[in-house]
């Protein structure tokens, strides 16, 4: 059987698993997503693979987009240290922290540069929310020519409908959908 990916040419990109995470997600809870993501991050670190931890941050919210919308965005849970990566994942010296100001992890950041300098051609995506930050980052990765693997049980949406739509309609057109278990099995080959 052909390997799913080469760990030396693959990065894990974790979207917005930071202290601002609330509790209203579906179909997976935030705790389930964090647990699955943490297991993959640890496996990637052990193999010496590239780990990119993406977070939203701003000093005064003035550098964030302010479009006119028909539906308001979910409120930001601005608890103390809201923009820090959750402790279950932590930040190691070998990790690359990407600070973004909008939904996608590529626009206005150095993520593409850091991946290309390391010869990365594949990314494993996980995080919150599947229909916003994960989806936008996946589309950007696709446009940049990366192979994308979706860790489908290590992401969740604000609603089950949102998650199911991107899982069933969008993600299969951008890459491959796998479970955390399948991804970890590839790391151990």
N, C-alpha and C. Protein backbone atom coordinates (compact mmCIF):
# COMPACT_ATOMS: atom_id res chain seq x y z
N UNK A 1 0.83 -1.17 0.00
CA UNK A 1 0.00 0.00 0.00
C UNK A 1 0.89 1.25 0.00
N UNK A 2 0.54 2.20 -0.83
CA UNK A 2 1.30 3.44 -0.93
C UNK A 2 1.10 4.28 0.32
N UNK A 3 2.18 4.92 0.79
CA UNK A 3 2.09 5.77 1.97
C UNK A 3 1.23 7.00 1.67
N UNK A 4 0.53 7.46 2.65
CA UNK A 4 -0.34 8.62 2.51
C UNK A 4 0.48 9.88 2.23
N UNK A 5 1.65 9.99 2.89
CA UNK A 5 2.52 11.15 2.69
C UNK A 5 3.91 10.83 3.23
N UNK A 6 4.87 11.64 2.86
CA UNK A 6 6.24 11.55 3.36
C UNK A 6 6.37 12.53 4.52
N UNK A 7 6.59 12.06 5.74
CA UNK A 7 6.67 12.97 6.90
C UNK A 7 7.73 14.06 6.76
N UNK A 8 8.77 13.81 5.96
CA UNK A 8 9.81 14.83 5.80
C UNK A 8 9.41 15.93 4.83
N UNK A 9 8.37 15.69 4.04
CA UNK A 9 7.89 16.70 3.09
C UNK A 9 6.49 17.18 3.45
N UNK A 10 6.09 16.87 4.68
CA UNK A 10 4.74 17.18 5.13
C UNK A 10 4.78 18.01 6.40
N UNK A 11 3.91 18.99 6.47
CA UNK A 11 3.76 19.82 7.67
C UNK A 11 2.36 19.64 8.22
N UNK A 12 2.24 19.76 9.52
CA UNK A 12 0.92 19.86 10.12
C UNK A 12 0.66 21.33 10.37
N UNK A 13 -0.51 21.78 9.96
CA UNK A 13 -0.91 23.18 10.12
C UNK A 13 -2.17 23.18 10.99
N UNK A 14 -2.02 23.70 12.20
CA UNK A 14 -3.08 23.68 13.20
C UNK A 14 -3.73 25.07 13.22
N UNK A 15 -5.03 25.11 12.96
CA UNK A 15 -5.73 26.38 12.81
C UNK A 15 -6.47 26.77 14.10
N UNK A 16 -6.08 27.90 14.66
CA UNK A 16 -6.82 28.62 15.71
C UNK A 16 -7.15 27.83 16.95
N UNK A 17 -6.31 26.89 17.34
CA UNK A 17 -6.53 26.21 18.61
C UNK A 17 -5.84 27.04 19.69
N UNK A 18 -6.54 28.07 20.09
CA UNK A 18 -6.01 29.02 21.05
C UNK A 18 -7.01 29.21 22.17
N UNK A 19 -6.62 29.92 23.20
CA UNK A 19 -7.41 30.00 24.43
C UNK A 19 -8.79 30.61 24.26
N UNK A 20 -9.08 31.19 23.15
CA UNK A 20 -10.40 31.80 22.92
C UNK A 20 -11.47 30.78 22.56
N UNK A 21 -11.11 29.54 22.40
CA UNK A 21 -12.05 28.51 21.98
C UNK A 21 -13.23 28.48 22.95
N UNK A 22 -14.42 28.51 22.37
CA UNK A 22 -15.64 28.40 23.16
C UNK A 22 -16.07 26.95 23.30
N UNK A 23 -17.37 26.74 23.46
CA UNK A 23 -17.86 25.38 23.66
C UNK A 23 -18.96 24.97 22.69
N UNK A 24 -19.36 25.84 21.80
CA UNK A 24 -20.48 25.54 20.90
C UNK A 24 -19.99 25.14 19.51
N UNK A 25 -19.60 23.88 19.38
CA UNK A 25 -19.12 23.36 18.11
C UNK A 25 -19.81 22.05 17.80
N UNK A 26 -19.79 21.67 16.52
CA UNK A 26 -20.38 20.40 16.11
C UNK A 26 -19.73 19.97 14.80
N UNK A 27 -19.55 18.73 14.52
CA UNK A 27 -20.01 17.59 15.29
C UNK A 27 -19.09 17.18 16.42
N UNK A 28 -17.86 17.69 16.44
CA UNK A 28 -16.90 17.33 17.48
C UNK A 28 -16.80 18.46 18.50
N UNK A 29 -16.50 18.11 19.73
CA UNK A 29 -16.29 19.13 20.76
C UNK A 29 -14.90 19.74 20.60
N UNK A 30 -14.71 20.90 21.19
CA UNK A 30 -13.39 21.52 21.18
C UNK A 30 -12.37 20.60 21.85
N UNK A 31 -12.77 19.94 22.92
CA UNK A 31 -11.87 19.04 23.64
C UNK A 31 -11.42 17.88 22.74
N UNK A 32 -12.34 17.32 21.97
CA UNK A 32 -11.99 16.23 21.05
C UNK A 32 -11.00 16.72 19.99
N UNK A 33 -11.26 17.88 19.44
CA UNK A 33 -10.39 18.45 18.40
C UNK A 33 -9.00 18.70 18.96
N UNK A 34 -8.93 19.32 20.12
CA UNK A 34 -7.64 19.62 20.74
C UNK A 34 -6.88 18.33 21.03
N UNK A 35 -7.56 17.32 21.54
CA UNK A 35 -6.91 16.05 21.86
C UNK A 35 -6.34 15.39 20.61
N UNK A 36 -7.12 15.33 19.54
CA UNK A 36 -6.66 14.71 18.29
C UNK A 36 -5.50 15.52 17.69
N UNK A 37 -5.65 16.84 17.68
CA UNK A 37 -4.59 17.70 17.13
C UNK A 37 -3.31 17.55 17.93
N UNK A 38 -3.42 17.52 19.25
CA UNK A 38 -2.23 17.39 20.10
C UNK A 38 -1.49 16.08 19.82
N UNK A 39 -2.23 15.00 19.60
CA UNK A 39 -1.60 13.71 19.29
C UNK A 39 -0.83 13.79 17.97
N UNK A 40 -1.42 14.44 16.97
CA UNK A 40 -0.73 14.56 15.69
C UNK A 40 0.48 15.49 15.80
N UNK A 41 0.33 16.61 16.49
CA UNK A 41 1.44 17.54 16.66
C UNK A 41 2.62 16.81 17.33
N UNK A 42 2.34 16.04 18.36
CA UNK A 42 3.40 15.31 19.05
C UNK A 42 4.09 14.33 18.09
N UNK A 43 3.33 13.63 17.29
CA UNK A 43 3.91 12.68 16.34
C UNK A 43 4.76 13.41 15.30
N UNK A 44 4.30 14.54 14.81
CA UNK A 44 5.08 15.32 13.84
C UNK A 44 6.37 15.82 14.48
N UNK A 45 6.30 16.29 15.70
CA UNK A 45 7.51 16.75 16.40
C UNK A 45 8.51 15.61 16.56
N UNK A 46 8.02 14.44 16.95
CA UNK A 46 8.91 13.29 17.16
C UNK A 46 9.62 12.87 15.88
N UNK A 47 8.98 13.05 14.73
CA UNK A 47 9.59 12.71 13.44
C UNK A 47 10.46 13.84 12.90
N UNK A 48 10.46 15.00 13.58
CA UNK A 48 11.22 16.14 13.08
C UNK A 48 10.52 16.84 11.93
N UNK A 49 9.22 16.61 11.78
CA UNK A 49 8.43 17.24 10.72
C UNK A 49 8.06 18.66 11.14
N UNK A 50 7.70 19.46 10.17
CA UNK A 50 7.38 20.87 10.40
C UNK A 50 6.01 21.02 11.04
N UNK A 51 5.95 21.79 12.11
CA UNK A 51 4.71 22.07 12.83
C UNK A 51 4.44 23.56 12.73
N UNK A 52 3.30 23.93 12.16
CA UNK A 52 2.89 25.34 12.08
C UNK A 52 1.63 25.51 12.93
N UNK A 53 1.73 26.36 13.93
CA UNK A 53 0.61 26.65 14.81
C UNK A 53 0.09 28.02 14.44
N UNK A 54 -1.13 28.06 13.95
CA UNK A 54 -1.72 29.30 13.43
C UNK A 54 -2.65 29.88 14.48
N UNK A 55 -2.54 31.18 14.68
CA UNK A 55 -3.41 31.86 15.63
C UNK A 55 -3.87 33.19 15.06
N UNK A 56 -5.02 33.62 15.53
CA UNK A 56 -5.51 34.96 15.23
C UNK A 56 -5.04 35.84 16.38
N UNK A 57 -4.52 37.00 16.05
CA UNK A 57 -4.13 37.92 17.11
C UNK A 57 -4.19 39.34 16.58
N UNK A 58 -4.38 40.27 17.49
CA UNK A 58 -4.41 41.68 17.16
C UNK A 58 -4.17 42.47 18.44
N UNK A 59 -3.58 43.63 18.30
CA UNK A 59 -3.37 44.47 19.47
C UNK A 59 -4.62 45.27 19.81
N UNK A 60 -5.31 45.73 18.76
CA UNK A 60 -6.44 46.63 19.01
C UNK A 60 -7.63 46.39 18.08
N UNK A 61 -7.66 45.30 17.34
CA UNK A 61 -8.72 44.90 16.42
C UNK A 61 -8.82 45.83 15.20
N UNK A 62 -8.04 46.88 15.16
CA UNK A 62 -8.10 47.81 14.03
C UNK A 62 -7.48 47.23 12.76
N UNK A 63 -6.64 46.21 12.90
CA UNK A 63 -6.01 45.61 11.72
C UNK A 63 -6.79 44.39 11.21
N UNK A 64 -8.00 44.16 11.73
CA UNK A 64 -8.83 43.04 11.29
C UNK A 64 -9.80 43.54 10.21
N UNK A 65 -10.17 42.68 9.26
CA UNK A 65 -11.16 43.07 8.25
C UNK A 65 -12.49 43.46 8.89
N UNK A 66 -13.15 44.40 8.27
CA UNK A 66 -14.46 44.86 8.77
C UNK A 66 -15.46 44.96 7.62
N UNK A 67 -15.76 43.83 6.98
CA UNK A 67 -16.69 43.86 5.85
C UNK A 67 -18.13 44.07 6.31
N UNK A 68 -18.96 44.50 5.37
CA UNK A 68 -20.40 44.54 5.63
C UNK A 68 -20.93 43.13 5.41
N UNK A 69 -21.69 42.61 6.36
CA UNK A 69 -22.11 41.21 6.33
C UNK A 69 -23.62 41.09 6.45
N UNK A 70 -24.18 40.07 5.84
CA UNK A 70 -25.58 39.74 6.03
C UNK A 70 -25.79 38.91 7.30
N UNK A 71 -24.75 38.22 7.73
CA UNK A 71 -24.82 37.40 8.94
C UNK A 71 -23.60 37.71 9.79
N UNK A 72 -23.78 38.09 11.03
CA UNK A 72 -22.61 38.42 11.85
C UNK A 72 -21.73 37.21 12.10
N UNK A 73 -20.46 37.48 12.26
CA UNK A 73 -19.53 36.42 12.60
C UNK A 73 -19.77 35.97 14.04
N UNK A 74 -19.38 34.74 14.36
CA UNK A 74 -19.48 34.33 15.77
C UNK A 74 -18.65 35.28 16.63
N UNK A 75 -19.13 35.58 17.84
CA UNK A 75 -18.38 36.52 18.69
C UNK A 75 -17.03 35.95 19.10
N UNK A 76 -16.07 36.83 19.25
CA UNK A 76 -14.74 36.43 19.72
C UNK A 76 -14.79 36.31 21.23
N UNK A 77 -14.25 35.25 21.75
CA UNK A 77 -14.22 34.97 23.19
C UNK A 77 -12.90 35.53 23.73
N UNK A 78 -12.88 36.83 24.01
CA UNK A 78 -11.63 37.50 24.36
C UNK A 78 -11.32 37.36 25.85
N UNK A 79 -11.08 36.11 26.27
CA UNK A 79 -10.64 35.84 27.63
C UNK A 79 -9.18 36.28 27.76
N UNK A 80 -8.68 36.32 28.96
CA UNK A 80 -7.27 36.68 29.16
C UNK A 80 -6.38 35.73 28.36
N UNK A 81 -5.40 36.29 27.69
CA UNK A 81 -4.48 35.53 26.83
C UNK A 81 -5.21 34.74 25.75
N UNK A 82 -6.29 35.30 25.24
CA UNK A 82 -7.14 34.66 24.24
C UNK A 82 -6.39 34.21 23.01
N UNK A 83 -5.30 34.89 22.67
CA UNK A 83 -4.60 34.59 21.42
C UNK A 83 -3.44 33.61 21.59
N UNK A 84 -3.29 33.02 22.75
CA UNK A 84 -2.22 32.04 22.98
C UNK A 84 -2.69 30.64 22.60
N UNK A 85 -1.77 29.84 22.08
CA UNK A 85 -2.07 28.45 21.71
C UNK A 85 -2.46 27.68 22.97
N UNK A 86 -3.46 26.80 22.85
CA UNK A 86 -3.92 26.05 24.02
C UNK A 86 -2.77 25.26 24.64
N UNK A 87 -2.76 25.12 25.98
CA UNK A 87 -1.66 24.44 26.65
C UNK A 87 -1.51 22.97 26.27
N UNK A 88 -2.60 22.32 25.86
CA UNK A 88 -2.51 20.90 25.47
C UNK A 88 -1.58 20.71 24.28
N UNK A 89 -1.47 21.72 23.46
CA UNK A 89 -0.57 21.65 22.31
C UNK A 89 0.74 22.33 22.65
N UNK A 90 0.66 23.49 23.31
CA UNK A 90 1.86 24.22 23.67
C UNK A 90 2.63 24.69 22.46
N UNK A 91 3.66 25.43 22.69
CA UNK A 91 4.53 25.90 21.62
C UNK A 91 5.95 25.49 21.96
N UNK A 92 6.55 24.73 21.07
CA UNK A 92 7.95 24.31 21.24
C UNK A 92 8.84 25.22 20.40
N UNK A 93 10.11 25.26 20.73
CA UNK A 93 11.06 26.09 19.98
C UNK A 93 11.13 25.70 18.51
N UNK A 94 10.86 24.45 18.20
CA UNK A 94 10.94 23.97 16.82
C UNK A 94 9.68 24.29 16.01
N UNK A 95 8.61 24.71 16.68
CA UNK A 95 7.36 25.04 15.98
C UNK A 95 7.45 26.41 15.33
N UNK A 96 6.65 26.61 14.31
CA UNK A 96 6.55 27.92 13.67
C UNK A 96 5.16 28.48 13.98
N UNK A 97 5.11 29.61 14.67
CA UNK A 97 3.83 30.24 14.99
C UNK A 97 3.50 31.25 13.91
N UNK A 98 2.31 31.10 13.35
CA UNK A 98 1.82 32.00 12.30
C UNK A 98 0.74 32.86 12.92
N UNK A 99 0.92 34.17 12.83
CA UNK A 99 -0.10 35.10 13.33
C UNK A 99 -0.83 35.67 12.13
N UNK A 100 -2.15 35.47 12.12
CA UNK A 100 -2.96 35.93 11.01
C UNK A 100 -3.97 36.96 11.50
N UNK A 101 -4.51 37.72 10.54
CA UNK A 101 -5.49 38.75 10.86
C UNK A 101 -6.84 38.50 10.17
N UNK A 102 -6.91 37.44 9.40
CA UNK A 102 -8.11 37.09 8.66
C UNK A 102 -8.27 35.58 8.70
N UNK A 103 -9.21 35.03 7.94
CA UNK A 103 -9.52 33.62 8.06
C UNK A 103 -8.39 32.68 7.65
N UNK A 104 -7.73 32.96 6.54
CA UNK A 104 -6.73 32.04 6.00
C UNK A 104 -5.35 32.25 6.60
N UNK A 105 -4.57 31.16 6.65
CA UNK A 105 -3.23 31.20 7.25
C UNK A 105 -2.14 31.63 6.28
N UNK A 106 -2.46 31.77 4.99
CA UNK A 106 -1.44 32.14 4.01
C UNK A 106 -1.39 33.64 3.75
N UNK A 107 -2.54 34.27 3.58
CA UNK A 107 -2.59 35.68 3.19
C UNK A 107 -1.97 36.57 4.28
N UNK A 108 -0.96 37.34 3.88
CA UNK A 108 -0.33 38.29 4.79
C UNK A 108 0.58 37.66 5.83
N UNK A 109 0.95 36.39 5.64
CA UNK A 109 1.85 35.71 6.59
C UNK A 109 3.04 35.13 5.82
N UNK A 110 3.98 34.56 6.56
CA UNK A 110 5.14 33.93 5.92
C UNK A 110 4.99 32.41 5.80
N UNK A 111 3.78 31.88 5.94
CA UNK A 111 3.61 30.43 5.93
C UNK A 111 4.10 29.79 4.64
N UNK A 112 3.71 30.30 3.50
CA UNK A 112 4.15 29.73 2.23
C UNK A 112 5.68 29.74 2.12
N UNK A 113 6.29 30.85 2.47
CA UNK A 113 7.76 30.96 2.42
C UNK A 113 8.42 29.91 3.29
N UNK A 114 7.93 29.75 4.52
CA UNK A 114 8.54 28.79 5.44
C UNK A 114 8.35 27.35 4.96
N UNK A 115 7.21 27.03 4.38
CA UNK A 115 6.97 25.69 3.86
C UNK A 115 7.89 25.41 2.67
N UNK A 116 7.97 26.35 1.74
CA UNK A 116 8.80 26.14 0.53
C UNK A 116 10.29 26.02 0.88
N UNK A 117 10.76 26.83 1.82
CA UNK A 117 12.17 26.75 2.21
C UNK A 117 12.53 25.38 2.77
N UNK A 118 11.57 24.68 3.29
CA UNK A 118 11.80 23.37 3.90
C UNK A 118 11.45 22.22 2.95
N UNK A 119 11.07 22.54 1.72
CA UNK A 119 10.74 21.50 0.75
C UNK A 119 9.42 20.80 1.04
N UNK A 120 8.53 21.46 1.76
CA UNK A 120 7.22 20.87 2.09
C UNK A 120 6.33 20.93 0.87
N UNK A 121 5.69 19.79 0.53
CA UNK A 121 4.74 19.78 -0.58
C UNK A 121 3.35 19.34 -0.16
N UNK A 122 3.20 18.92 1.11
CA UNK A 122 1.93 18.42 1.62
C UNK A 122 1.67 19.03 2.99
N UNK A 123 0.40 19.38 3.25
CA UNK A 123 0.04 19.83 4.59
C UNK A 123 -1.13 19.02 5.11
N UNK A 124 -1.07 18.73 6.40
CA UNK A 124 -2.17 18.12 7.13
C UNK A 124 -2.84 19.26 7.88
N UNK A 125 -4.13 19.44 7.66
CA UNK A 125 -4.89 20.53 8.28
C UNK A 125 -5.81 20.01 9.37
N UNK A 126 -5.88 20.78 10.46
CA UNK A 126 -6.83 20.51 11.53
C UNK A 126 -7.11 21.82 12.25
N UNK A 127 -8.14 21.83 13.09
CA UNK A 127 -8.42 23.02 13.89
C UNK A 127 -9.87 23.44 13.87
N UNK A 128 -10.08 24.68 14.27
CA UNK A 128 -11.42 25.26 14.40
C UNK A 128 -11.42 26.60 13.67
N UNK A 129 -12.36 26.85 12.88
CA UNK A 129 -13.55 26.09 12.53
C UNK A 129 -13.39 25.55 11.11
N UNK A 130 -13.95 24.37 10.91
CA UNK A 130 -13.78 23.70 9.63
C UNK A 130 -14.31 24.52 8.46
N UNK A 131 -15.37 25.28 8.64
CA UNK A 131 -15.96 26.05 7.55
C UNK A 131 -15.43 27.46 7.42
N UNK A 132 -14.50 27.85 8.28
CA UNK A 132 -13.95 29.21 8.20
C UNK A 132 -12.43 29.13 8.04
N UNK A 133 -11.69 29.05 9.13
CA UNK A 133 -10.23 29.06 9.06
C UNK A 133 -9.63 27.87 8.35
N UNK A 134 -10.16 26.68 8.60
CA UNK A 134 -9.62 25.48 7.95
C UNK A 134 -9.94 25.52 6.46
N UNK A 135 -11.19 25.82 6.12
CA UNK A 135 -11.60 25.88 4.72
C UNK A 135 -10.80 26.93 3.94
N UNK A 136 -10.69 28.13 4.49
CA UNK A 136 -9.97 29.19 3.78
C UNK A 136 -8.50 28.84 3.60
N UNK A 137 -7.89 28.30 4.64
CA UNK A 137 -6.49 27.88 4.54
C UNK A 137 -6.31 26.77 3.51
N UNK A 138 -7.26 25.84 3.47
CA UNK A 138 -7.19 24.75 2.49
C UNK A 138 -7.27 25.28 1.06
N UNK A 139 -8.16 26.23 0.84
CA UNK A 139 -8.28 26.82 -0.50
C UNK A 139 -6.99 27.55 -0.88
N UNK A 140 -6.42 28.29 0.06
CA UNK A 140 -5.16 28.98 -0.21
C UNK A 140 -4.04 27.98 -0.49
N UNK A 141 -3.97 26.91 0.28
CA UNK A 141 -2.94 25.88 0.07
C UNK A 141 -3.09 25.26 -1.31
N UNK A 142 -4.32 24.96 -1.69
CA UNK A 142 -4.61 24.40 -3.01
C UNK A 142 -4.13 25.36 -4.09
N UNK A 143 -4.41 26.65 -3.94
CA UNK A 143 -3.99 27.64 -4.93
C UNK A 143 -2.47 27.79 -4.99
N UNK A 144 -1.80 27.50 -3.88
CA UNK A 144 -0.33 27.55 -3.85
C UNK A 144 0.30 26.25 -4.33
N UNK A 145 -0.51 25.24 -4.66
CA UNK A 145 0.02 24.00 -5.20
C UNK A 145 0.35 22.93 -4.18
N UNK A 146 -0.06 23.08 -2.93
CA UNK A 146 0.20 22.06 -1.92
C UNK A 146 -0.82 20.94 -2.00
N UNK A 147 -0.39 19.74 -1.65
CA UNK A 147 -1.31 18.62 -1.45
C UNK A 147 -1.87 18.81 -0.04
N UNK A 148 -3.17 18.61 0.10
CA UNK A 148 -3.82 18.84 1.39
C UNK A 148 -4.45 17.55 1.89
N UNK A 149 -4.22 17.28 3.17
CA UNK A 149 -4.86 16.15 3.86
C UNK A 149 -5.65 16.75 5.02
N UNK A 150 -6.92 16.42 5.07
CA UNK A 150 -7.80 16.94 6.12
C UNK A 150 -7.93 15.91 7.24
N UNK A 151 -7.50 16.27 8.43
CA UNK A 151 -7.68 15.41 9.60
C UNK A 151 -9.10 15.67 10.10
N UNK A 152 -10.05 14.96 9.52
CA UNK A 152 -11.46 15.31 9.63
C UNK A 152 -12.00 15.19 11.05
N UNK A 153 -11.43 14.34 11.88
CA UNK A 153 -11.89 14.22 13.26
C UNK A 153 -11.10 15.11 14.21
N UNK A 154 -10.22 15.93 13.65
CA UNK A 154 -9.45 16.90 14.44
C UNK A 154 -9.82 18.31 14.01
N UNK A 155 -11.06 18.45 13.58
CA UNK A 155 -11.61 19.77 13.23
C UNK A 155 -13.11 19.72 13.49
N UNK A 156 -13.69 20.88 13.62
CA UNK A 156 -15.12 20.97 13.86
C UNK A 156 -15.62 22.33 13.42
N UNK A 157 -16.94 22.43 13.26
CA UNK A 157 -17.54 23.69 12.82
C UNK A 157 -18.35 24.34 13.92
N UNK A 158 -18.88 25.51 13.59
CA UNK A 158 -19.79 26.17 14.51
C UNK A 158 -21.15 25.47 14.52
N UNK A 159 -21.43 24.73 13.43
CA UNK A 159 -22.63 23.90 13.35
C UNK A 159 -22.26 22.61 12.62
N UNK A 160 -23.05 21.57 12.86
CA UNK A 160 -22.82 20.32 12.14
C UNK A 160 -23.02 20.53 10.64
N UNK A 161 -24.00 21.34 10.28
CA UNK A 161 -24.28 21.61 8.86
C UNK A 161 -23.08 22.24 8.17
N UNK A 162 -22.45 23.21 8.81
CA UNK A 162 -21.25 23.85 8.25
C UNK A 162 -20.15 22.82 8.02
N UNK A 163 -19.87 22.04 9.05
CA UNK A 163 -18.81 21.03 8.97
C UNK A 163 -19.11 20.00 7.88
N UNK A 164 -20.34 19.51 7.84
CA UNK A 164 -20.71 18.50 6.86
C UNK A 164 -20.63 19.04 5.44
N UNK A 165 -20.98 20.29 5.24
CA UNK A 165 -20.91 20.87 3.90
C UNK A 165 -19.47 20.87 3.38
N UNK A 166 -18.53 21.40 4.18
CA UNK A 166 -17.15 21.43 3.69
C UNK A 166 -16.57 20.03 3.58
N UNK A 167 -16.93 19.15 4.52
CA UNK A 167 -16.45 17.76 4.48
C UNK A 167 -16.92 17.04 3.22
N UNK A 168 -18.18 17.23 2.87
CA UNK A 168 -18.78 16.47 1.78
C UNK A 168 -18.65 17.12 0.41
N UNK A 169 -18.57 18.45 0.36
CA UNK A 169 -18.59 19.16 -0.91
C UNK A 169 -17.25 19.82 -1.25
N UNK A 170 -16.66 20.52 -0.32
CA UNK A 170 -15.46 21.32 -0.61
C UNK A 170 -14.17 20.51 -0.46
N UNK A 171 -13.97 19.91 0.70
CA UNK A 171 -12.69 19.25 0.97
C UNK A 171 -12.32 18.16 -0.03
N UNK A 172 -13.25 17.31 -0.49
CA UNK A 172 -12.86 16.28 -1.46
C UNK A 172 -12.35 16.86 -2.78
N UNK A 173 -12.66 18.12 -3.05
CA UNK A 173 -12.19 18.78 -4.27
C UNK A 173 -10.85 19.48 -4.07
N UNK A 174 -10.41 19.55 -2.83
CA UNK A 174 -9.14 20.23 -2.52
C UNK A 174 -8.06 19.27 -2.06
N UNK A 175 -8.44 18.09 -1.62
CA UNK A 175 -7.44 17.16 -1.09
C UNK A 175 -8.06 15.85 -0.67
N UNK A 176 -7.43 15.22 0.33
CA UNK A 176 -7.85 13.91 0.81
C UNK A 176 -8.32 14.01 2.26
N UNK A 177 -9.36 13.32 2.57
CA UNK A 177 -9.93 13.33 3.92
C UNK A 177 -9.51 12.04 4.63
N UNK A 178 -8.90 12.20 5.80
CA UNK A 178 -8.44 11.05 6.58
C UNK A 178 -8.73 11.30 8.06
N UNK A 179 -8.63 10.25 8.85
CA UNK A 179 -8.80 10.36 10.29
C UNK A 179 -7.44 10.57 10.95
N UNK A 180 -7.48 11.01 12.19
CA UNK A 180 -6.25 11.14 12.96
C UNK A 180 -5.53 9.81 13.02
N UNK A 181 -6.26 8.73 13.22
CA UNK A 181 -5.65 7.40 13.29
C UNK A 181 -4.90 7.06 12.00
N UNK A 182 -5.48 7.35 10.86
CA UNK A 182 -4.82 7.08 9.58
C UNK A 182 -3.56 7.93 9.42
N UNK A 183 -3.62 9.17 9.84
CA UNK A 183 -2.46 10.06 9.74
C UNK A 183 -1.35 9.59 10.67
N UNK A 184 -1.71 9.23 11.89
CA UNK A 184 -0.71 8.74 12.85
C UNK A 184 -0.09 7.43 12.35
N UNK A 185 -0.87 6.57 11.72
CA UNK A 185 -0.33 5.32 11.18
C UNK A 185 0.73 5.62 10.12
N UNK A 186 0.51 6.63 9.30
CA UNK A 186 1.50 7.01 8.29
C UNK A 186 2.77 7.53 8.94
N UNK A 187 2.62 8.25 10.04
CA UNK A 187 3.80 8.78 10.75
C UNK A 187 4.65 7.66 11.32
N UNK A 188 4.04 6.51 11.61
CA UNK A 188 4.74 5.40 12.24
C UNK A 188 5.24 4.36 11.26
N UNK A 189 5.09 4.59 9.95
CA UNK A 189 5.56 3.61 8.96
C UNK A 189 7.04 3.69 8.80
